[in-house]
All heavy atoms as atom14 arrays in JSON, in Angstrom:
{
  "sequence": "AFDPKTGQLISDRGLIALRRHLTTGHWLLFLYGNHTQGTRGAVEGVM",
  "atom14_mask": [
    [1, 1, 1, 1, 1, 0, 0, 0, 0, 0, 0, 0, 0, 0],
    [1, 1, 1, 1, 1, 1, 1, 1, 1, 1, 1, 0, 0, 0],
    [1, 1, 1, 1, 1, 1, 1, 1, 0, 0, 0, 0, 0, 0],
    [1, 1, 1, 1, 1, 1, 1, 0, 0, 0, 0, 0, 0, 0],
    [1, 1, 1, 1, 1, 1, 1, 1, 1, 0, 0, 0, 0, 0],
    [1, 1, 1, 1, 1, 1, 1, 0, 0, 0, 0, 0, 0, 0],
    [1, 1, 1, 1, 0, 0, 0, 0, 0, 0, 0, 0, 0, 0],
    [1, 1, 1, 1, 1, 1, 1, 1, 1, 0, 0, 0, 0, 0],
    [1, 1, 1, 1, 1, 1, 1, 1, 0, 0, 0, 0, 0, 0],
    [1, 1, 1, 1, 1, 1, 1, 1, 0, 0, 0, 0, 0, 0],
    [1, 1, 1, 1, 1, 1, 0, 0, 0, 0, 0, 0, 0, 0],
    [1, 1, 1, 1, 1, 1, 1, 1, 0, 0, 0, 0, 0, 0],
    [1, 1, 1, 1, 1, 1, 1, 1, 1, 1, 1, 0, 0, 0],
    [1, 1, 1, 1, 0, 0, 0, 0, 0, 0, 0, 0, 0, 0],
    [1, 1, 1, 1, 1, 1, 1, 1, 0, 0, 0, 0, 0, 0],
    [1, 1, 1, 1, 1, 1, 1, 1, 0, 0, 0, 0, 0, 0],
    [1, 1, 1, 1, 1, 0, 0, 0, 0, 0, 0, 0, 0, 0],
    [1, 1, 1, 1, 1, 1, 1, 1, 0, 0, 0, 0, 0, 0],
    [1, 1, 1, 1, 1, 1, 1, 1, 1, 1, 1, 0, 0, 0],
    [1, 1, 1, 1, 1, 1, 1, 1, 1, 1, 1, 0, 0, 0],
    [1, 1, 1, 1, 1, 1, 1, 1, 1, 1, 0, 0, 0, 0],
    [1, 1, 1, 1, 1, 1, 1, 1, 0, 0, 0, 0, 0, 0],
    [1, 1, 1, 1, 1, 1, 1, 0, 0, 0, 0, 0, 0, 0],
    [1, 1, 1, 1, 1, 1, 1, 0, 0, 0, 0, 0, 0, 0],
    [1, 1, 1, 1, 0, 0, 0, 0, 0, 0, 0, 0, 0, 0],
    [1, 1, 1, 1, 1, 1, 1, 1, 1, 1, 0, 0, 0, 0],
    [1, 1, 1, 1, 1, 1, 1, 1, 1, 1, 1, 1, 1, 1],
    [1, 1, 1, 1, 1, 1, 1, 1, 0, 0, 0, 0, 0, 0],
    [1, 1, 1, 1, 1, 1, 1, 1, 0, 0, 0, 0, 0, 0],
    [1, 1, 1, 1, 1, 1, 1, 1, 1, 1, 1, 0, 0, 0],
    [1, 1, 1, 1, 1, 1, 1, 1, 0, 0, 0, 0, 0, 0],
    [1, 1, 1, 1, 1, 1, 1, 1, 1, 1, 1, 1, 0, 0],
    [1, 1, 1, 1, 0, 0, 0, 0, 0, 0, 0, 0, 0, 0],
    [1, 1, 1, 1, 1, 1, 1, 1, 0, 0, 0, 0, 0, 0],
    [1, 1, 1, 1, 1, 1, 1, 1, 1, 1, 0, 0, 0, 0],
    [1, 1, 1, 1, 1, 1, 1, 0, 0, 0, 0, 0, 0, 0],
    [1, 1, 1, 1, 1, 1, 1, 1, 1, 0, 0, 0, 0, 0],
    [1, 1, 1, 1, 0, 0, 0, 0, 0, 0, 0, 0, 0, 0],
    [1, 1, 1, 1, 1, 1, 1, 0, 0, 0, 0, 0, 0, 0],
    [1, 1, 1, 1, 1, 1, 1, 1, 1, 1, 1, 0, 0, 0],
    [1, 1, 1, 1, 0, 0, 0, 0, 0, 0, 0, 0, 0, 0],
    [1, 1, 1, 1, 1, 0, 0, 0, 0, 0, 0, 0, 0, 0],
    [1, 1, 1, 1, 1, 1, 1, 0, 0, 0, 0, 0, 0, 0],
    [1, 1, 1, 1, 1, 1, 1, 1, 1, 0, 0, 0, 0, 0],
    [1, 1, 1, 1, 0, 0, 0, 0, 0, 0, 0, 0, 0, 0],
    [1, 1, 1, 1, 1, 1, 1, 0, 0, 0, 0, 0, 0, 0],
    [1, 1, 1, 1, 1, 1, 1, 1, 0, 0, 0, 0, 0, 0]
  ],
  "atom14_positions": [
    [[81.8, 39.78, 158.36], [82.5, 38.57, 158.31], [83.51, 38.34, 159.48], [83.98, 39.32, 160.1], [83.3, 38.56, 156.98], [0.0, 0.0, 0.0], [0.0, 0.0, 0.0], [0.0, 0.0, 0.0], [0.0, 0.0, 0.0], [0.0, 0.0, 0.0], [0.0, 0.0, 0.0], [0.0, 0.0, 0.0], [0.0, 0.0, 0.0], [0.0, 0.0, 0.0]],
    [[83.63, 37.09, 159.74], [84.48, 36.65, 160.88], [85.61, 35.84, 160.27], [85.45, 34.94, 159.42], [83.77, 35.89, 162.0], [82.76, 36.79, 162.67], [81.37, 36.91, 162.14], [82.99, 37.44, 163.83], [80.51, 37.64, 162.77], [82.08, 38.24, 164.42], [80.86, 38.36, 163.93], [0.0, 0.0, 0.0], [0.0, 0.0, 0.0], [0.0, 0.0, 0.0]],
    [[86.82, 35.9, 160.81], [87.95, 35.05, 160.52], [87.58, 33.6, 160.94], [87.26, 33.35, 162.17], [89.2, 35.5, 161.25], [90.44, 34.69, 160.83], [90.38, 33.42, 161.07], [91.41, 35.31, 160.23], [0.0, 0.0, 0.0], [0.0, 0.0, 0.0], [0.0, 0.0, 0.0], [0.0, 0.0, 0.0], [0.0, 0.0, 0.0], [0.0, 0.0, 0.0]],
    [[87.67, 32.6, 160.08], [87.26, 31.34, 160.47], [88.16, 30.51, 161.45], [87.78, 29.73, 162.17], [87.24, 30.53, 159.14], [88.13, 31.29, 158.16], [88.02, 32.77, 158.68], [0.0, 0.0, 0.0], [0.0, 0.0, 0.0], [0.0, 0.0, 0.0], [0.0, 0.0, 0.0], [0.0, 0.0, 0.0], [0.0, 0.0, 0.0], [0.0, 0.0, 0.0]],
    [[89.37, 31.0, 161.52], [90.39, 30.49, 162.45], [90.28, 31.04, 163.85], [90.31, 30.36, 164.81], [91.84, 30.54, 161.92], [92.13, 29.68, 160.7], [93.41, 29.85, 160.28], [93.68, 28.98, 158.95], [94.97, 29.18, 158.48], [0.0, 0.0, 0.0], [0.0, 0.0, 0.0], [0.0, 0.0, 0.0], [0.0, 0.0, 0.0], [0.0, 0.0, 0.0]],
    [[90.21, 32.36, 163.91], [90.3, 33.03, 165.22], [88.91, 33.5, 165.68], [88.72, 33.73, 166.92], [91.11, 34.38, 165.15], [90.48, 35.28, 164.2], [92.54, 34.1, 164.63], [0.0, 0.0, 0.0], [0.0, 0.0, 0.0], [0.0, 0.0, 0.0], [0.0, 0.0, 0.0], [0.0, 0.0, 0.0], [0.0, 0.0, 0.0], [0.0, 0.0, 0.0]],
    [[87.86, 33.59, 164.88], [86.55, 33.91, 165.15], [86.45, 35.43, 165.47], [85.42, 35.89, 165.75], [0.0, 0.0, 0.0], [0.0, 0.0, 0.0], [0.0, 0.0, 0.0], [0.0, 0.0, 0.0], [0.0, 0.0, 0.0], [0.0, 0.0, 0.0], [0.0, 0.0, 0.0], [0.0, 0.0, 0.0], [0.0, 0.0, 0.0], [0.0, 0.0, 0.0]],
    [[87.56, 36.18, 165.15], [87.5, 37.71, 165.22], [86.78, 38.28, 164.02], [86.89, 37.84, 162.93], [88.88, 38.23, 165.3], [89.48, 37.84, 166.61], [90.89, 38.65, 166.77], [91.45, 38.99, 165.85], [91.26, 38.92, 168.02], [0.0, 0.0, 0.0], [0.0, 0.0, 0.0], [0.0, 0.0, 0.0], [0.0, 0.0, 0.0], [0.0, 0.0, 0.0]],
    [[85.96, 39.47, 164.32], [85.41, 40.22, 163.26], [86.46, 40.79, 162.37], [87.56, 41.36, 162.69], [84.65, 41.27, 163.94], [83.73, 42.15, 163.02], [82.63, 41.35, 162.45], [83.17, 43.35, 163.77], [0.0, 0.0, 0.0], [0.0, 0.0, 0.0], [0.0, 0.0, 0.0], [0.0, 0.0, 0.0], [0.0, 0.0, 0.0], [0.0, 0.0, 0.0]],
    [[86.36, 40.53, 161.0], [87.32, 41.14, 159.99], [86.72, 42.18, 159.04], [87.36, 42.79, 158.4], [87.97, 39.99, 159.22], [86.92, 39.07, 158.55], [88.82, 39.22, 160.15], [87.55, 38.06, 157.59], [0.0, 0.0, 0.0], [0.0, 0.0, 0.0], [0.0, 0.0, 0.0], [0.0, 0.0, 0.0], [0.0, 0.0, 0.0], [0.0, 0.0, 0.0]],
    [[85.32, 42.2, 158.96], [84.66, 43.26, 158.25], [83.26, 43.39, 158.79], [82.67, 42.55, 159.37], [84.53, 42.87, 156.71], [83.86, 41.83, 156.5], [0.0, 0.0, 0.0], [0.0, 0.0, 0.0], [0.0, 0.0, 0.0], [0.0, 0.0, 0.0], [0.0, 0.0, 0.0], [0.0, 0.0, 0.0], [0.0, 0.0, 0.0], [0.0, 0.0, 0.0]],
    [[82.78, 44.6, 158.76], [81.46, 44.98, 159.24], [80.8, 46.06, 158.42], [81.39, 46.64, 157.43], [81.55, 45.44, 160.7], [80.31, 45.29, 161.58], [79.41, 44.61, 160.95], [80.24, 45.81, 162.56], [0.0, 0.0, 0.0], [0.0, 0.0, 0.0], [0.0, 0.0, 0.0], [0.0, 0.0, 0.0], [0.0, 0.0, 0.0], [0.0, 0.0, 0.0]],
    [[79.59, 46.34, 158.77], [78.78, 47.32, 157.96], [78.09, 48.29, 159.01], [77.91, 47.97, 160.14], [77.78, 46.55, 157.01], [76.85, 45.71, 157.88], [76.17, 44.9, 156.9], [75.29, 43.75, 157.57], [74.51, 43.04, 157.0], [74.33, 43.08, 155.74], [73.98, 42.02, 157.76], [0.0, 0.0, 0.0], [0.0, 0.0, 0.0], [0.0, 0.0, 0.0]],
    [[77.8, 49.52, 158.52], [77.06, 50.42, 159.2], [76.1, 51.33, 158.39], [75.95, 51.09, 157.21], [0.0, 0.0, 0.0], [0.0, 0.0, 0.0], [0.0, 0.0, 0.0], [0.0, 0.0, 0.0], [0.0, 0.0, 0.0], [0.0, 0.0, 0.0], [0.0, 0.0, 0.0], [0.0, 0.0, 0.0], [0.0, 0.0, 0.0], [0.0, 0.0, 0.0]],
    [[75.39, 52.15, 159.06], [74.35, 53.03, 158.4], [74.54, 54.48, 158.89], [74.77, 54.67, 160.03], [72.97, 52.53, 158.6], [71.92, 53.44, 158.1], [71.57, 53.21, 156.65], [70.69, 53.27, 158.93], [0.0, 0.0, 0.0], [0.0, 0.0, 0.0], [0.0, 0.0, 0.0], [0.0, 0.0, 0.0], [0.0, 0.0, 0.0], [0.0, 0.0, 0.0]],
    [[74.5, 55.47, 157.9], [74.52, 56.83, 158.29], [73.21, 57.42, 157.6], [72.97, 57.18, 156.46], [75.6, 57.67, 157.66], [76.93, 56.96, 158.23], [75.52, 59.06, 157.87], [78.21, 57.64, 157.4], [0.0, 0.0, 0.0], [0.0, 0.0, 0.0], [0.0, 0.0, 0.0], [0.0, 0.0, 0.0], [0.0, 0.0, 0.0], [0.0, 0.0, 0.0]],
    [[72.37, 58.0, 158.43], [71.08, 58.49, 157.9], [70.77, 59.74, 158.51], [70.99, 60.01, 159.72], [69.93, 57.46, 158.16], [0.0, 0.0, 0.0], [0.0, 0.0, 0.0], [0.0, 0.0, 0.0], [0.0, 0.0, 0.0], [0.0, 0.0, 0.0], [0.0, 0.0, 0.0], [0.0, 0.0, 0.0], [0.0, 0.0, 0.0], [0.0, 0.0, 0.0]],
    [[70.26, 60.74, 157.71], [69.83, 62.0, 158.24], [68.41, 62.34, 157.67], [68.16, 62.02, 156.58], [70.76, 63.13, 157.6], [70.47, 64.58, 158.05], [70.84, 64.8, 159.56], [71.24, 65.6, 157.2], [0.0, 0.0, 0.0], [0.0, 0.0, 0.0], [0.0, 0.0, 0.0], [0.0, 0.0, 0.0], [0.0, 0.0, 0.0], [0.0, 0.0, 0.0]],
    [[67.62, 62.85, 158.57], [66.23, 63.12, 158.12], [65.67, 64.09, 159.05], [66.07, 64.26, 160.23], [65.36, 61.97, 158.0], [65.14, 61.19, 159.35], [64.1, 60.07, 159.21], [64.26, 59.34, 157.91], [63.86, 58.18, 157.67], [63.33, 57.42, 158.66], [63.97, 57.57, 156.48], [0.0, 0.0, 0.0], [0.0, 0.0, 0.0], [0.0, 0.0, 0.0]],
    [[64.58, 64.79, 158.7], [63.83, 65.62, 159.61], [62.72, 64.81, 160.29], [62.1, 64.04, 159.7], [63.16, 66.88, 158.84], [64.1, 67.98, 158.51], [63.19, 69.06, 158.05], [64.06, 70.08, 157.47], [64.57, 71.14, 158.2], [64.28, 71.27, 159.49], [65.26, 72.06, 157.68], [0.0, 0.0, 0.0], [0.0, 0.0, 0.0], [0.0, 0.0, 0.0]],
    [[62.55, 65.17, 161.61], [61.34, 64.54, 162.31], [60.13, 65.17, 161.7], [60.03, 66.37, 161.66], [61.56, 64.76, 163.83], [60.57, 64.06, 164.62], [59.34, 64.46, 164.88], [60.7, 62.83, 165.3], [58.63, 63.62, 165.54], [59.54, 62.63, 165.81], [0.0, 0.0, 0.0], [0.0, 0.0, 0.0], [0.0, 0.0, 0.0], [0.0, 0.0, 0.0]],
    [[59.24, 64.35, 161.39], [57.88, 64.86, 160.81], [57.14, 65.84, 161.63], [56.54, 66.78, 161.23], [57.06, 63.65, 160.43], [57.59, 62.75, 159.29], [56.67, 61.54, 159.11], [57.81, 63.5, 157.97], [0.0, 0.0, 0.0], [0.0, 0.0, 0.0], [0.0, 0.0, 0.0], [0.0, 0.0, 0.0], [0.0, 0.0, 0.0], [0.0, 0.0, 0.0]],
    [[57.11, 65.53, 162.98], [56.35, 66.34, 163.88], [57.0, 67.67, 164.36], [56.46, 68.69, 164.27], [56.03, 65.52, 165.16], [55.27, 64.28, 164.68], [54.92, 66.32, 166.08], [0.0, 0.0, 0.0], [0.0, 0.0, 0.0], [0.0, 0.0, 0.0], [0.0, 0.0, 0.0], [0.0, 0.0, 0.0], [0.0, 0.0, 0.0], [0.0, 0.0, 0.0]],
    [[58.27, 67.5, 164.71], [59.02, 68.61, 165.28], [59.81, 69.43, 164.3], [60.09, 70.61, 164.51], [59.9, 68.19, 166.41], [61.01, 67.43, 165.83], [59.15, 67.5, 167.43], [0.0, 0.0, 0.0], [0.0, 0.0, 0.0], [0.0, 0.0, 0.0], [0.0, 0.0, 0.0], [0.0, 0.0, 0.0], [0.0, 0.0, 0.0], [0.0, 0.0, 0.0]],
    [[60.19, 68.91, 163.13], [60.97, 69.41, 162.25], [62.55, 69.46, 162.56], [63.31, 69.98, 161.96], [0.0, 0.0, 0.0], [0.0, 0.0, 0.0], [0.0, 0.0, 0.0], [0.0, 0.0, 0.0], [0.0, 0.0, 0.0], [0.0, 0.0, 0.0], [0.0, 0.0, 0.0], [0.0, 0.0, 0.0], [0.0, 0.0, 0.0], [0.0, 0.0, 0.0]],
    [[62.83, 68.9, 163.77], [64.2, 68.78, 164.19], [65.01, 67.7, 163.33], [64.41, 66.84, 162.88], [64.33, 68.38, 165.65], [63.83, 69.39, 166.58], [62.8, 69.09, 167.47], [64.22, 70.67, 166.81], [62.51, 70.25, 168.21], [63.34, 71.19, 167.82], [0.0, 0.0, 0.0], [0.0, 0.0, 0.0], [0.0, 0.0, 0.0], [0.0, 0.0, 0.0]],
    [[66.25, 67.97, 163.18], [67.12, 67.06, 162.44], [67.41, 65.86, 163.23], [67.77, 65.96, 164.4], [68.35, 67.76, 162.01], [68.2, 68.71, 160.85], [68.17, 70.13, 160.97], [67.83, 68.44, 159.54], [67.91, 70.66, 159.78], [67.73, 69.61, 158.78], [67.75, 67.28, 158.82], [67.47, 69.73, 157.48], [67.55, 67.34, 157.46], [67.39, 68.55, 156.82]],
    [[67.48, 64.64, 162.68], [67.75, 63.45, 163.4], [68.96, 62.78, 162.63], [68.74, 62.55, 161.36], [66.61, 62.54, 163.42], [65.44, 63.02, 164.15], [64.25, 62.04, 163.96], [65.65, 63.25, 165.64], [0.0, 0.0, 0.0], [0.0, 0.0, 0.0], [0.0, 0.0, 0.0], [0.0, 0.0, 0.0], [0.0, 0.0, 0.0], [0.0, 0.0, 0.0]],
    [[69.99, 62.45, 163.18], [71.07, 61.75, 162.62], [71.22, 60.37, 163.26], [71.31, 60.31, 164.42], [72.45, 62.58, 162.85], [73.68, 61.82, 162.24], [73.62, 61.77, 160.71], [74.9, 62.65, 162.62], [0.0, 0.0, 0.0], [0.0, 0.0, 0.0], [0.0, 0.0, 0.0], [0.0, 0.0, 0.0], [0.0, 0.0, 0.0], [0.0, 0.0, 0.0]],
    [[71.1, 59.31, 162.43], [71.3, 57.92, 162.83], [72.49, 57.43, 162.46], [72.88, 57.48, 161.29], [70.06, 57.1, 162.3], [68.67, 57.57, 162.62], [68.05, 58.41, 161.8], [68.1, 57.17, 163.85], [66.81, 58.94, 162.12], [66.78, 57.59, 164.13], [66.19, 58.47, 163.3], [0.0, 0.0, 0.0], [0.0, 0.0, 0.0], [0.0, 0.0, 0.0]],
    [[73.25, 56.81, 163.45], [74.54, 56.18, 163.15], [74.59, 54.82, 163.82], [74.36, 54.85, 165.01], [75.81, 56.99, 163.62], [75.89, 58.41, 163.12], [76.82, 59.17, 163.98], [76.28, 58.35, 161.68], [0.0, 0.0, 0.0], [0.0, 0.0, 0.0], [0.0, 0.0, 0.0], [0.0, 0.0, 0.0], [0.0, 0.0, 0.0], [0.0, 0.0, 0.0]],
    [[74.51, 53.73, 163.15], [74.54, 52.4, 163.81], [75.16, 51.36, 162.83], [75.31, 51.59, 161.62], [73.16, 51.96, 164.32], [72.05, 51.79, 163.31], [71.84, 50.55, 162.82], [71.27, 52.76, 162.95], [70.8, 50.25, 161.95], [70.23, 52.6, 162.08], [70.07, 51.35, 161.61], [68.91, 51.12, 160.79], [0.0, 0.0, 0.0], [0.0, 0.0, 0.0]],
    [[75.62, 50.29, 163.43], [76.24, 49.2, 162.71], [75.73, 47.86, 163.15], [74.96, 47.69, 164.15], [0.0, 0.0, 0.0], [0.0, 0.0, 0.0], [0.0, 0.0, 0.0], [0.0, 0.0, 0.0], [0.0, 0.0, 0.0], [0.0, 0.0, 0.0], [0.0, 0.0, 0.0], [0.0, 0.0, 0.0], [0.0, 0.0, 0.0], [0.0, 0.0, 0.0]],
    [[76.12, 46.81, 162.43], [75.86, 45.44, 162.74], [76.44, 45.03, 164.09], [75.88, 44.33, 164.9], [76.22, 44.54, 161.66], [75.36, 43.29, 161.55], [74.19, 43.36, 161.99], [76.02, 42.25, 161.2], [0.0, 0.0, 0.0], [0.0, 0.0, 0.0], [0.0, 0.0, 0.0], [0.0, 0.0, 0.0], [0.0, 0.0, 0.0], [0.0, 0.0, 0.0]],
    [[77.67, 45.49, 164.34], [78.45, 45.39, 165.57], [79.02, 46.75, 166.07], [78.85, 47.72, 165.25], [79.6, 44.34, 165.32], [79.17, 43.08, 164.91], [78.74, 42.11, 165.97], [79.06, 42.38, 163.88], [78.39, 40.92, 165.3], [78.54, 41.15, 164.1], [0.0, 0.0, 0.0], [0.0, 0.0, 0.0], [0.0, 0.0, 0.0], [0.0, 0.0, 0.0]],
    [[79.65, 46.92, 167.11], [80.22, 48.1, 167.63], [81.06, 48.71, 166.58], [81.13, 49.95, 166.3], [81.0, 47.9, 168.88], [80.15, 47.35, 169.9], [81.63, 49.05, 169.43], [0.0, 0.0, 0.0], [0.0, 0.0, 0.0], [0.0, 0.0, 0.0], [0.0, 0.0, 0.0], [0.0, 0.0, 0.0], [0.0, 0.0, 0.0], [0.0, 0.0, 0.0]],
    [[81.97, 47.89, 165.91], [82.91, 48.32, 164.89], [82.08, 48.99, 163.67], [82.65, 49.94, 163.06], [83.77, 47.19, 164.41], [84.76, 46.75, 165.46], [84.16, 45.67, 166.42], [82.93, 45.45, 166.61], [85.02, 45.07, 167.17], [0.0, 0.0, 0.0], [0.0, 0.0, 0.0], [0.0, 0.0, 0.0], [0.0, 0.0, 0.0], [0.0, 0.0, 0.0]],
    [[81.04, 48.44, 163.33], [80.24, 49.16, 162.21], [79.65, 50.48, 162.64], [79.7, 51.35, 161.72], [0.0, 0.0, 0.0], [0.0, 0.0, 0.0], [0.0, 0.0, 0.0], [0.0, 0.0, 0.0], [0.0, 0.0, 0.0], [0.0, 0.0, 0.0], [0.0, 0.0, 0.0], [0.0, 0.0, 0.0], [0.0, 0.0, 0.0], [0.0, 0.0, 0.0]],
    [[79.27, 50.51, 163.82], [78.78, 51.89, 164.29], [79.86, 52.85, 164.38], [79.8, 54.0, 163.94], [78.16, 51.71, 165.78], [77.16, 50.86, 165.71], [77.66, 53.05, 166.27], [0.0, 0.0, 0.0], [0.0, 0.0, 0.0], [0.0, 0.0, 0.0], [0.0, 0.0, 0.0], [0.0, 0.0, 0.0], [0.0, 0.0, 0.0], [0.0, 0.0, 0.0]],
    [[81.14, 52.43, 164.85], [82.32, 53.26, 164.95], [82.69, 53.75, 163.51], [83.1, 54.8, 163.27], [83.43, 52.58, 165.69], [84.6, 53.49, 165.75], [85.66, 52.84, 166.65], [86.94, 53.51, 166.6], [88.08, 53.1, 167.11], [88.06, 52.06, 167.8], [89.16, 53.86, 166.93], [0.0, 0.0, 0.0], [0.0, 0.0, 0.0], [0.0, 0.0, 0.0]],
    [[82.64, 52.73, 162.62], [83.01, 53.16, 161.21], [82.0, 54.11, 160.54], [82.34, 54.98, 159.94], [0.0, 0.0, 0.0], [0.0, 0.0, 0.0], [0.0, 0.0, 0.0], [0.0, 0.0, 0.0], [0.0, 0.0, 0.0], [0.0, 0.0, 0.0], [0.0, 0.0, 0.0], [0.0, 0.0, 0.0], [0.0, 0.0, 0.0], [0.0, 0.0, 0.0]],
    [[80.71, 54.01, 160.95], [79.73, 55.11, 160.36], [80.03, 56.41, 161.04], [80.02, 57.39, 160.42], [78.29, 54.57, 160.84], [0.0, 0.0, 0.0], [0.0, 0.0, 0.0], [0.0, 0.0, 0.0], [0.0, 0.0, 0.0], [0.0, 0.0, 0.0], [0.0, 0.0, 0.0], [0.0, 0.0, 0.0], [0.0, 0.0, 0.0], [0.0, 0.0, 0.0]],
    [[80.46, 56.41, 162.36], [80.8, 57.77, 162.95], [81.97, 58.35, 162.27], [82.11, 59.5, 162.05], [81.11, 57.46, 164.46], [81.67, 58.68, 165.2], [79.68, 57.12, 165.2], [0.0, 0.0, 0.0], [0.0, 0.0, 0.0], [0.0, 0.0, 0.0], [0.0, 0.0, 0.0], [0.0, 0.0, 0.0], [0.0, 0.0, 0.0], [0.0, 0.0, 0.0]],
    [[83.07, 57.47, 162.03], [84.21, 57.94, 161.41], [83.91, 58.49, 160.05], [84.45, 59.56, 159.57], [85.31, 56.77, 161.31], [85.86, 56.57, 162.64], [86.97, 55.34, 162.69], [87.39, 55.07, 161.52], [87.34, 55.02, 163.78], [0.0, 0.0, 0.0], [0.0, 0.0, 0.0], [0.0, 0.0, 0.0], [0.0, 0.0, 0.0], [0.0, 0.0, 0.0]],
    [[83.09, 57.78, 159.27], [82.71, 58.27, 157.98], [82.05, 59.6, 158.03], [82.38, 60.44, 157.17], [0.0, 0.0, 0.0], [0.0, 0.0, 0.0], [0.0, 0.0, 0.0], [0.0, 0.0, 0.0], [0.0, 0.0, 0.0], [0.0, 0.0, 0.0], [0.0, 0.0, 0.0], [0.0, 0.0, 0.0], [0.0, 0.0, 0.0], [0.0, 0.0, 0.0]],
    [[81.15, 59.8, 158.85], [80.35, 61.05, 158.92], [81.23, 62.25, 159.32], [80.99, 63.39, 158.98], [78.96, 60.97, 159.7], [79.26, 61.01, 161.3], [77.99, 61.94, 159.29], [0.0, 0.0, 0.0], [0.0, 0.0, 0.0], [0.0, 0.0, 0.0], [0.0, 0.0, 0.0], [0.0, 0.0, 0.0], [0.0, 0.0, 0.0], [0.0, 0.0, 0.0]],
    [[82.29, 61.9, 159.99], [83.17, 62.98, 160.54], [84.26, 63.25, 159.52], [85.16, 64.13, 159.85], [83.7, 62.64, 161.89], [82.59, 62.62, 162.95], [83.06, 62.07, 164.61], [84.68, 62.86, 164.96], [0.0, 0.0, 0.0], [0.0, 0.0, 0.0], [0.0, 0.0, 0.0], [0.0, 0.0, 0.0], [0.0, 0.0, 0.0], [0.0, 0.0, 0.0]]
  ]
}
């Protein structure tokens, strides 16, 4: 969501996902968000 008056981002979303790669068996951690703030929030959550 964005503030209607200022246009600044006021809330965002992100994703934290962990899984094994099917071929290599290595662990893969995905952290991303709708905007940079969502990605940063996902990083903060996982830590």
